[in-house]
Amino acid sequence: MNYIYKFGFVGIVLLSGCATNIAPNNPVQVAKSPSPMTALAPVHSGAVAKRLNDCIVNSNQGADALLVDSQIIAVTRGNPHAKALFSSPDKLTDQQAKALANYLLEANSCRPIALEGLSPEMTSMYQEFFKKIDGVYADLISKKITIGVANQERQLLIQDAHMKRLAIQSKKN
């Protein structure tokens, strides 16, 4: 449980989100409160969100996941290797490529859960995200891009998906 990966975090944030209707009553709470534009309402029921979280946590427990997090993709919160990974000029070794491919097989098994119960528009947005991020991983495995470029592109895709989710949710309100 020490290694909750950014993938898990992003999945939970993107797929579960949280919002609160509690009004802050002091200036510190007001300053730290999320704005209505950044507060996310859940897109999954509690049961689906729990299954998704359990799947992500389980997929992030293996040796391949640990290698990926320390040497290839910065997926854990507070990853001590993140700065080096985002600026790495290195391409994957054969061992790293194999570990990443194995990790992705496990991690991608959570995608069907992530799509459960979503609106067609939200499902389409996530499928587009999955397609684009799979392209980044394919380019990384085939050694077309460096580890640093892959981390940067991945982060941009995550941010883009987050903004698209906010836009979809704001339309419904």
Protein backbone atom coordinates (compact mmCIF):
# COMPACT_ATOMS: atom_id res chain seq x y z
CA MET A 1 0.00 0.00 0.00
CA ASN A 2 3.04 2.27 0.19
CA TYR A 3 2.93 2.71 -3.57
CA ILE A 4 -0.33 4.33 -4.60
CA TYR A 5 0.48 5.32 -8.11
CA LYS A 6 -0.34 8.53 -9.81
CA PHE A 7 -2.31 6.42 -12.25
CA GLY A 8 -4.45 5.39 -9.31
CA PHE A 9 -4.68 8.94 -8.09
CA VAL A 10 -5.54 10.29 -11.49
CA GLY A 11 -8.03 7.49 -12.05
CA ILE A 12 -9.71 8.24 -8.76
CA VAL A 13 -9.68 11.99 -9.32
CA LEU A 14 -10.83 11.74 -12.91
CA LEU A 15 -13.29 8.94 -12.35
CA SER A 16 -14.53 9.49 -8.82
CA GLY A 17 -13.82 13.09 -7.92
CA CYS A 18 -15.27 14.68 -4.87
CA ALA A 19 -17.19 17.79 -4.08
CA THR A 20 -18.54 19.14 -0.86
CA ASN A 21 -21.45 21.39 -0.05
CA ILE A 22 -20.14 22.35 3.39
CA ALA A 23 -19.79 26.10 3.61
CA PRO A 24 -16.46 27.18 5.09
CA ASN A 25 -16.76 29.32 8.19
CA ASN A 26 -13.28 30.74 8.59
CA PRO A 27 -10.84 32.58 6.30
CA VAL A 28 -8.39 29.67 6.13
CA GLN A 29 -11.11 27.31 4.91
CA VAL A 30 -12.30 29.91 2.42
CA ALA A 31 -8.78 30.33 1.02
CA LYS A 32 -8.29 26.58 0.68
CA SER A 33 -11.74 25.75 -0.68
CA PRO A 34 -11.86 24.57 -4.28
CA SER A 35 -13.53 26.93 -6.68
CA PRO A 36 -16.74 25.72 -8.34
CA MET A 37 -14.76 25.31 -11.57
CA THR A 38 -12.34 22.82 -9.99
CA ALA A 39 -14.66 20.92 -7.65
CA LEU A 40 -15.57 17.59 -9.20
CA ALA A 41 -18.75 15.68 -8.59
CA PRO A 42 -18.41 11.91 -8.52
CA VAL A 43 -19.05 10.18 -11.83
CA HIS A 44 -19.28 6.70 -10.30
CA SER A 45 -21.35 5.20 -7.56
CA GLY A 46 -19.51 4.45 -4.34
CA ALA A 47 -19.42 0.73 -5.14
CA VAL A 48 -17.90 1.25 -8.60
CA ALA A 49 -15.40 3.79 -7.25
CA LYS A 50 -14.29 1.29 -4.59
CA ARG A 51 -13.89 -1.51 -7.14
CA LEU A 52 -11.91 0.81 -9.40
CA ASN A 53 -9.65 1.94 -6.56
CA ASP A 54 -9.09 -1.68 -5.47
CA CYS A 55 -8.21 -2.67 -9.04
CA ILE A 56 -5.75 0.20 -9.42
CA VAL A 57 -4.10 -0.46 -6.07
CA ASN A 58 -3.81 -4.17 -6.91
CA SER A 59 -2.28 -3.45 -10.32
CA ASN A 60 0.33 -1.20 -8.73
CA GLN A 61 1.70 -3.79 -6.32
CA GLY A 62 3.95 -5.90 -8.54
CA ALA A 63 7.65 -5.75 -9.32
CA ASP A 64 6.95 -4.40 -12.81
CA ALA A 65 4.87 -1.55 -11.35
CA LEU A 66 7.65 -0.64 -8.93
CA LEU A 67 10.23 -0.64 -11.73
CA VAL A 68 7.95 1.49 -13.93
CA ASP A 69 7.44 4.03 -11.16
CA SER A 70 11.11 4.34 -10.29
CA GLN A 71 12.66 4.20 -13.77
CA ILE A 72 10.07 5.02 -16.44
CA ILE A 73 6.83 6.83 -15.59
CA ALA A 74 6.29 8.97 -12.49
CA VAL A 75 3.02 7.49 -11.31
CA THR A 76 3.17 7.75 -7.51
CA ARG A 77 2.32 10.84 -5.54
CA GLY A 78 5.48 12.49 -4.29
CA ASN A 79 7.64 10.25 -6.47
CA PRO A 80 11.24 11.06 -5.54
CA HIS A 81 12.31 10.19 -9.10
CA ALA A 82 9.76 12.47 -10.84
CA LYS A 83 12.12 15.35 -11.63
CA ALA A 84 14.68 13.03 -13.19
CA LEU A 85 12.00 11.11 -15.11
CA PHE A 86 10.43 14.26 -16.58
CA SER A 87 13.81 15.43 -17.88
CA SER A 88 15.34 12.07 -18.79
CA PRO A 89 16.94 11.92 -22.25
CA ASP A 90 17.08 8.11 -22.03
CA LYS A 91 15.10 5.68 -24.11
CA LEU A 92 13.86 2.42 -22.65
CA THR A 93 16.11 -0.58 -22.31
CA ASP A 94 14.68 -3.92 -23.41
CA GLN A 95 14.11 -4.86 -19.75
CA GLN A 96 12.27 -1.59 -19.07
CA ALA A 97 10.14 -1.99 -22.20
CA LYS A 98 9.11 -5.47 -21.09
CA ALA A 99 8.32 -4.26 -17.56
CA LEU A 100 6.23 -1.37 -18.91
CA ALA A 101 4.30 -3.67 -21.25
CA ASN A 102 3.59 -6.09 -18.38
CA TYR A 103 2.54 -3.27 -16.09
CA LEU A 104 0.20 -1.81 -18.71
CA LEU A 105 -1.51 -5.19 -19.21
CA GLU A 106 -2.30 -5.26 -15.51
CA ALA A 107 -3.21 -1.58 -15.14
CA ASN A 108 -5.40 -1.52 -18.26
CA SER A 109 -7.53 -4.34 -16.85
CA CYS A 110 -9.15 -1.62 -14.71
CA ARG A 111 -10.47 0.31 -17.71
CA PRO A 112 -13.77 -1.57 -18.04
CA ILE A 113 -14.55 -0.70 -14.41
CA ALA A 114 -13.60 2.93 -15.09
CA LEU A 115 -16.19 3.10 -17.88
CA GLU A 116 -19.06 1.55 -15.91
CA GLY A 117 -22.13 3.72 -15.61
CA LEU A 118 -20.72 6.76 -17.41
CA SER A 119 -22.71 8.94 -19.75
CA PRO A 120 -21.99 8.44 -23.46
CA GLU A 121 -20.17 11.79 -23.57
CA MET A 122 -17.99 10.91 -20.57
CA THR A 123 -17.32 7.42 -21.97
CA SER A 124 -16.23 8.93 -25.27
CA MET A 125 -13.90 11.36 -23.48
CA TYR A 126 -12.24 8.54 -21.51
CA GLN A 127 -11.90 6.33 -24.58
CA GLU A 128 -10.18 9.20 -26.40
CA PHE A 129 -7.86 9.67 -23.41
CA PHE A 130 -7.05 5.94 -23.32
CA LYS A 131 -6.29 5.93 -27.05
CA LYS A 132 -3.95 8.92 -26.79
CA ILE A 133 -2.12 7.67 -23.71
CA ASP A 134 -1.74 4.23 -25.30
CA GLY A 135 -0.04 6.00 -28.22
CA VAL A 136 2.45 7.62 -25.84
CA TYR A 137 3.21 4.25 -24.26
CA ALA A 138 3.58 2.61 -27.69
CA ASP A 139 6.01 5.32 -28.79
CA LEU A 140 7.97 4.89 -25.57
CA ILE A 141 8.13 1.08 -25.87
CA SER A 142 9.16 1.31 -29.54
CA LYS A 143 11.87 3.80 -28.50
CA LYS A 144 10.52 6.62 -30.68
CA ILE A 145 10.48 8.99 -27.68
CA THR A 146 12.48 9.41 -24.50
CA ILE A 147 11.35 8.74 -20.94
CA GLY A 148 11.23 12.49 -20.31
CA VAL A 149 9.06 13.21 -23.35
CA ALA A 150 6.71 10.36 -22.42
CA ASN A 151 6.25 11.72 -18.90
CA GLN A 152 5.60 15.21 -20.21
CA GLU A 153 3.11 14.05 -22.85
CA ARG A 154 1.36 11.82 -20.32
CA GLN A 155 0.97 14.71 -17.88
CA LEU A 156 -0.46 16.95 -20.61
CA LEU A 157 -2.99 14.25 -21.57
CA ILE A 158 -4.04 13.85 -17.93
CA GLN A 159 -4.52 17.62 -17.59
CA ASP A 160 -6.48 17.76 -20.85
CA ALA A 161 -8.76 14.92 -19.74
CA HIS A 162 -9.33 16.68 -16.43
CA MET A 163 -10.35 19.89 -18.20
CA LYS A 164 -12.66 18.00 -20.56
CA ARG A 165 -14.28 16.27 -17.60
CA LEU A 166 -14.87 19.62 -15.93
CA ALA A 167 -16.44 20.95 -19.14
CA ILE A 168 -18.75 17.94 -19.45
CA GLN A 169 -19.79 18.23 -15.82
CA SER A 170 -20.37 21.98 -16.03
CA LYS A 171 -22.73 21.45 -19.00
CA LYS A 172 -24.90 19.21 -16.84
CA ASN A 173 -25.23 21.84 -14.10
